PDB file of N, CA and C in Angstrom:
ATOM      1  N   UNK A   1       0.847  -1.167   0.000  1.00  0.00           N
ATOM      2  CA  UNK A   1       0.000   0.000   0.000  1.00  0.00           C
ATOM      3  C   UNK A   1       0.895   1.234   0.000  1.00  0.00           C
ATOM      4  N   UNK A   2       0.531   2.195  -0.823  1.00  0.00           N
ATOM      5  CA  UNK A   2       1.283   3.439  -0.903  1.00  0.00           C
ATOM      6  C   UNK A   2       0.371   4.614  -0.591  1.00  0.00           C
ATOM      7  N   UNK A   3       0.927   5.611   0.063  1.00  0.00           N
ATOM      8  CA  UNK A   3       0.191   6.843   0.319  1.00  0.00           C
ATOM      9  C   UNK A   3       0.289   7.709  -0.932  1.00  0.00           C
ATOM     10  N   UNK A   4      -0.860   8.117  -1.451  1.00  0.00           N
ATOM     11  CA  UNK A   4      -0.902   8.975  -2.632  1.00  0.00           C
ATOM     12  C   UNK A   4      -0.932  10.433  -2.202  1.00  0.00           C
ATOM     13  N   UNK A   5      -1.700  10.733  -1.153  1.00  0.00           N
ATOM     14  CA  UNK A   5      -1.776  12.111  -0.690  1.00  0.00           C
ATOM     15  C   UNK A   5      -2.759  12.281   0.444  1.00  0.00           C
ATOM     16  N   UNK A   6      -2.812  13.498   0.929  1.00  0.00           N
ATOM     17  CA  UNK A   6      -3.708  13.874   2.012  1.00  0.00           C
ATOM     18  C   UNK A   6      -4.435  15.151   1.621  1.00  0.00           C
ATOM     19  N   UNK A   7      -5.613  15.342   2.177  1.00  0.00           N
ATOM     20  CA  UNK A   7      -6.350  16.585   1.950  1.00  0.00           C
ATOM     21  C   UNK A   7      -7.167  16.911   3.189  1.00  0.00           C
ATOM     22  N   UNK A   8      -7.541  18.155   3.283  1.00  0.00           N
ATOM     23  CA  UNK A   8      -8.388  18.632   4.375  1.00  0.00           C
ATOM     24  C   UNK A   8      -9.761  18.922   3.793  1.00  0.00           C
ATOM     25  N   UNK A   9     -10.825  18.462   4.433  1.00  0.00           N
ATOM     26  CA  UNK A   9     -12.174  18.706   3.905  1.00  0.00           C
ATOM     27  C   UNK A   9     -12.480  20.201   3.816  1.00  0.00           C
ATOM     28  N   UNK A  10     -13.306  20.569   2.848  1.00  0.00           N
ATOM     29  CA  UNK A  10     -13.721  21.969   2.731  1.00  0.00           C
ATOM     30  C   UNK A  10     -15.009  22.244   3.496  1.00  0.00           C
ATOM     31  N   UNK A  11     -15.679  21.199   3.958  1.00  0.00           N
ATOM     32  CA  UNK A  11     -16.899  21.334   4.757  1.00  0.00           C
ATOM     33  C   UNK A  11     -16.538  22.040   6.060  1.00  0.00           C
ATOM     34  N   UNK A  12     -17.190  23.153   6.336  1.00  0.00           N
ATOM     35  CA  UNK A  12     -16.870  23.936   7.530  1.00  0.00           C
ATOM     36  C   UNK A  12     -16.979  23.123   8.811  1.00  0.00           C
ATOM     37  N   UNK A  13     -17.859  22.159   8.859  1.00  0.00           N
ATOM     38  CA  UNK A  13     -18.030  21.352  10.056  1.00  0.00           C
ATOM     39  C   UNK A  13     -16.915  20.347  10.278  1.00  0.00           C
ATOM     40  N   UNK A  14     -16.178  20.005   9.228  1.00  0.00           N
ATOM     41  CA  UNK A  14     -15.138  18.993   9.349  1.00  0.00           C
ATOM     42  C   UNK A  14     -13.733  19.537   9.099  1.00  0.00           C
ATOM     43  N   UNK A  15     -13.614  20.716   8.555  1.00  0.00           N
ATOM     44  CA  UNK A  15     -12.319  21.245   8.142  1.00  0.00           C
ATOM     45  C   UNK A  15     -11.342  21.422   9.301  1.00  0.00           C
ATOM     46  N   UNK A  16     -11.832  21.637  10.487  1.00  0.00           N
ATOM     47  CA  UNK A  16     -10.950  21.885  11.626  1.00  0.00           C
ATOM     48  C   UNK A  16     -10.421  20.622  12.298  1.00  0.00           C
ATOM     49  N   UNK A  17     -11.037  19.471  12.036  1.00  0.00           N
ATOM     50  CA  UNK A  17     -10.597  18.294  12.776  1.00  0.00           C
ATOM     51  C   UNK A  17     -10.614  16.999  11.962  1.00  0.00           C
ATOM     52  N   UNK A  18     -10.467  17.110  10.645  1.00  0.00           N
ATOM     53  CA  UNK A  18     -10.464  15.900   9.814  1.00  0.00           C
ATOM     54  C   UNK A  18      -9.321  15.953   8.806  1.00  0.00           C
ATOM     55  N   UNK A  19      -8.861  14.789   8.434  1.00  0.00           N
ATOM     56  CA  UNK A  19      -7.818  14.655   7.425  1.00  0.00           C
ATOM     57  C   UNK A  19      -8.171  13.458   6.566  1.00  0.00           C
ATOM     58  N   UNK A  20      -8.265  13.657   5.271  1.00  0.00           N
ATOM     59  CA  UNK A  20      -8.557  12.571   4.334  1.00  0.00           C
ATOM     60  C   UNK A  20      -7.244  12.035   3.781  1.00  0.00           C
ATOM     61  N   UNK A  21      -7.191  10.732   3.566  1.00  0.00           N
ATOM     62  CA  UNK A  21      -5.996  10.147   2.961  1.00  0.00           C
ATOM     63  C   UNK A  21      -6.387   9.373   1.710  1.00  0.00           C
ATOM     64  N   UNK A  22      -5.518   9.401   0.715  1.00  0.00           N
ATOM     65  CA  UNK A  22      -5.712   8.620  -0.503  1.00  0.00           C
ATOM     66  C   UNK A  22      -4.604   7.578  -0.551  1.00  0.00           C
ATOM     67  N   UNK A  23      -5.001   6.319  -0.714  1.00  0.00           N
ATOM     68  CA  UNK A  23      -4.057   5.215  -0.706  1.00  0.00           C
ATOM     69  C   UNK A  23      -4.138   4.455  -2.019  1.00  0.00           C
ATOM     70  N   UNK A  24      -3.032   3.837  -2.416  1.00  0.00           N
ATOM     71  CA  UNK A  24      -2.977   3.049  -3.648  1.00  0.00           C
ATOM     72  C   UNK A  24      -2.442   1.670  -3.309  1.00  0.00           C
ATOM     73  N   UNK A  25      -3.073   0.661  -3.867  1.00  0.00           N
ATOM     74  CA  UNK A  25      -2.629  -0.713  -3.652  1.00  0.00           C
ATOM     75  C   UNK A  25      -2.348  -1.348  -5.000  1.00  0.00           C
ATOM     76  N   UNK A  26      -1.734  -2.511  -4.985  1.00  0.00           N
ATOM     77  CA  UNK A  26      -1.350  -3.177  -6.234  1.00  0.00           C
ATOM     78  C   UNK A  26      -2.546  -3.731  -7.004  1.00  0.00           C
ATOM     79  N   UNK A  27      -3.657  -3.982  -6.317  1.00  0.00           N
ATOM     80  CA  UNK A  27      -4.868  -4.483  -6.970  1.00  0.00           C
ATOM     81  C   UNK A  27      -6.061  -4.221  -6.068  1.00  0.00           C
ATOM     82  N   UNK A  28      -7.253  -4.376  -6.618  1.00  0.00           N
ATOM     83  CA  UNK A  28      -8.473  -4.200  -5.812  1.00  0.00           C
ATOM     84  C   UNK A  28      -8.524  -5.251  -4.720  1.00  0.00           C
ATOM     85  N   UNK A  29      -8.125  -6.479  -5.062  1.00  0.00           N
ATOM     86  CA  UNK A  29      -8.122  -7.560  -4.070  1.00  0.00           C
ATOM     87  C   UNK A  29      -7.165  -7.232  -2.926  1.00  0.00           C
ATOM     88  N   UNK A  30      -5.979  -6.747  -3.247  1.00  0.00           N
ATOM     89  CA  UNK A  30      -5.013  -6.381  -2.208  1.00  0.00           C
ATOM     90  C   UNK A  30      -5.555  -5.245  -1.344  1.00  0.00           C
ATOM     91  N   UNK A  31      -6.238  -4.296  -1.975  1.00  0.00           N
ATOM     92  CA  UNK A  31      -6.831  -3.186  -1.225  1.00  0.00           C
ATOM     93  C   UNK A  31      -7.914  -3.684  -0.274  1.00  0.00           C
ATOM     94  N   UNK A  32      -8.744  -4.609  -0.744  1.00  0.00           N
ATOM     95  CA  UNK A  32      -9.794  -5.169   0.113  1.00  0.00           C
ATOM     96  C   UNK A  32      -9.201  -5.900   1.314  1.00  0.00           C
ATOM     97  N   UNK A  33      -8.120  -6.645   1.082  1.00  0.00           N
ATOM     98  CA  UNK A  33      -7.451  -7.375   2.170  1.00  0.00           C
ATOM     99  C   UNK A  33      -6.841  -6.389   3.168  1.00  0.00           C
ATOM    100  N   UNK A  34      -6.186  -5.348   2.667  1.00  0.00           N
ATOM    101  CA  UNK A  34      -5.582  -4.341   3.542  1.00  0.00           C
ATOM    102  C   UNK A  34      -6.632  -3.627   4.378  1.00  0.00           C
ATOM    103  N   UNK A  35      -7.745  -3.261   3.734  1.00  0.00           N
ATOM    104  CA  UNK A  35      -8.809  -2.573   4.459  1.00  0.00           C
ATOM    105  C   UNK A  35      -9.412  -3.469   5.525  1.00  0.00           C
ATOM    106  N   UNK A  36      -9.644  -4.729   5.199  1.00  0.00           N
ATOM    107  CA  UNK A  36     -10.205  -5.663   6.178  1.00  0.00           C
ATOM    108  C   UNK A  36      -9.272  -5.826   7.373  1.00  0.00           C
ATOM    109  N   UNK A  37      -7.970  -5.941   7.119  1.00  0.00           N
ATOM    110  CA  UNK A  37      -6.997  -6.070   8.213  1.00  0.00           C
ATOM    111  C   UNK A  37      -6.970  -4.812   9.065  1.00  0.00           C
ATOM    112  N   UNK A  38      -7.085  -3.651   8.427  1.00  0.00           N
ATOM    113  CA  UNK A  38      -7.085  -2.388   9.161  1.00  0.00           C
ATOM    114  C   UNK A  38      -8.315  -2.278  10.057  1.00  0.00           C
ATOM    115  N   UNK A  39      -9.475  -2.566   9.504  1.00  0.00           N
ATOM    116  CA  UNK A  39     -10.729  -2.456  10.262  1.00  0.00           C
ATOM    117  C   UNK A  39     -10.756  -3.436  11.429  1.00  0.00           C
ATOM    118  N   UNK A  40     -10.210  -4.636  11.232  1.00  0.00           N
ATOM    119  CA  UNK A  40     -10.226  -5.659  12.268  1.00  0.00           C
ATOM    120  C   UNK A  40      -9.088  -5.520  13.273  1.00  0.00           C
ATOM    121  N   UNK A  41      -8.121  -4.669  12.983  1.00  0.00           N
ATOM    122  CA  UNK A  41      -6.958  -4.532  13.860  1.00  0.00           C
ATOM    123  C   UNK A  41      -7.300  -3.929  15.203  1.00  0.00           C
ATOM    124  N   UNK A  42      -6.640  -4.377  16.234  1.00  0.00           N
ATOM    125  CA  UNK A  42      -6.923  -3.903  17.586  1.00  0.00           C
ATOM    126  C   UNK A  42      -6.561  -2.429  17.773  1.00  0.00           C
ATOM    127  N   UNK A  43      -5.537  -1.955  17.079  1.00  0.00           N
ATOM    128  CA  UNK A  43      -5.175  -0.539  17.214  1.00  0.00           C
ATOM    129  C   UNK A  43      -6.302   0.360  16.707  1.00  0.00           C
ATOM    130  N   UNK A  44      -6.932  -0.034  15.612  1.00  0.00           N
ATOM    131  CA  UNK A  44      -8.010   0.771  15.053  1.00  0.00           C
ATOM    132  C   UNK A  44      -9.194   0.848  16.005  1.00  0.00           C
ATOM    133  N   UNK A  45      -9.531  -0.260  16.666  1.00  0.00           N
ATOM    134  CA  UNK A  45     -10.674  -0.237  17.569  1.00  0.00           C
ATOM    135  C   UNK A  45     -10.423   0.695  18.741  1.00  0.00           C
ATOM    136  N   UNK A  46      -9.189   0.764  19.207  1.00  0.00           N
ATOM    137  CA  UNK A  46      -8.846   1.687  20.289  1.00  0.00           C
ATOM    138  C   UNK A  46      -9.001   3.130  19.810  1.00  0.00           C
ATOM    139  N   UNK A  47      -8.512   3.426  18.614  1.00  0.00           N
ATOM    140  CA  UNK A  47      -8.630   4.779  18.061  1.00  0.00           C
ATOM    141  C   UNK A  47     -10.095   5.152  17.872  1.00  0.00           C
ATOM    142  N   UNK A  48     -10.889   4.220  17.372  1.00  0.00           N
ATOM    143  CA  UNK A  48     -12.313   4.490  17.179  1.00  0.00           C
ATOM    144  C   UNK A  48     -12.995   4.801  18.505  1.00  0.00           C
ATOM    145  N   UNK A  49     -12.687   4.049  19.541  1.00  0.00           N
ATOM    146  CA  UNK A  49     -13.272   4.311  20.861  1.00  0.00           C
ATOM    147  C   UNK A  49     -12.858   5.687  21.378  1.00  0.00           C
ATOM    148  N   UNK A  50     -11.600   6.053  21.185  1.00  0.00           N
ATOM    149  CA  UNK A  50     -11.144   7.378  21.612  1.00  0.00           C
ATOM    150  C   UNK A  50     -11.829   8.481  20.813  1.00  0.00           C
ATOM    151  N   UNK A  51     -12.021   8.252  19.527  1.00  0.00           N
ATOM    152  CA  UNK A  51     -12.695   9.251  18.693  1.00  0.00           C
ATOM    153  C   UNK A  51     -14.132   9.457  19.157  1.00  0.00           C
ATOM    154  N   UNK A  52     -14.787   8.381  19.525  1.00  0.00           N
ATOM    155  CA  UNK A  52     -16.174   8.481  19.983  1.00  0.00           C
ATOM    156  C   UNK A  52     -16.293   9.244  21.291  1.00  0.00           C
ATOM    157  N   UNK A  53     -15.239   9.235  22.096  1.00  0.00           N
ATOM    158  CA  UNK A  53     -15.281   9.954  23.371  1.00  0.00           C
ATOM    159  C   UNK A  53     -14.651  11.339  23.275  1.00  0.00           C
ATOM    160  N   UNK A  54     -14.086  11.680  22.106  1.00  0.00           N
ATOM    161  CA  UNK A  54     -13.453  12.978  21.934  1.00  0.00           C
ATOM    162  C   UNK A  54     -12.083  13.070  22.564  1.00  0.00           C
ATOM    163  N   UNK A  55     -11.442  11.901  22.801  1.00  0.00           N
ATOM    164  CA  UNK A  55     -10.174  11.880  23.517  1.00  0.00           C
ATOM    165  C   UNK A  55      -8.937  11.848  22.620  1.00  0.00           C
ATOM    166  N   UNK A  56      -9.112  11.965  21.319  1.00  0.00           N
ATOM    167  CA  UNK A  56      -7.958  11.962  20.424  1.00  0.00           C
ATOM    168  C   UNK A  56      -7.384  13.375  20.372  1.00  0.00           C
ATOM    169  N   UNK A  57      -6.086  13.482  20.319  1.00  0.00           N
ATOM    170  CA  UNK A  57      -5.434  14.783  20.240  1.00  0.00           C
ATOM    171  C   UNK A  57      -5.886  15.521  18.988  1.00  0.00           C
ATOM    172  N   UNK A  58      -6.244  16.776  19.122  1.00  0.00           N
ATOM    173  CA  UNK A  58      -6.627  17.567  17.965  1.00  0.00           C
ATOM    174  C   UNK A  58      -5.518  18.516  17.548  1.00  0.00           C
ATOM    175  N   UNK A  59      -4.446  18.557  18.324  1.00  0.00           N
ATOM    176  CA  UNK A  59      -3.319  19.409  17.965  1.00  0.00           C
ATOM    177  C   UNK A  59      -2.040  18.732  18.422  1.00  0.00           C
ATOM    178  N   UNK A  60      -1.065  18.697  17.543  1.00  0.00           N
ATOM    179  CA  UNK A  60       0.207  18.075  17.888  1.00  0.00           C
ATOM    180  C   UNK A  60       1.295  19.116  17.801  1.00  0.00           C
TER     181      UNK A  60
END
């Protein structure tokens, strides 16, 4: 998987605290496998729980 780029939403409600990423994989099948592993990964579930509680850092 390769990072193609990042962008900030133009929607006023999301522009201050969101970051979009564009990723490229070698095939659609590889992308599906990567996404499934990411969604099922334990690190992602922790981040999702923190996001739901508003506990993720908004400034670094």
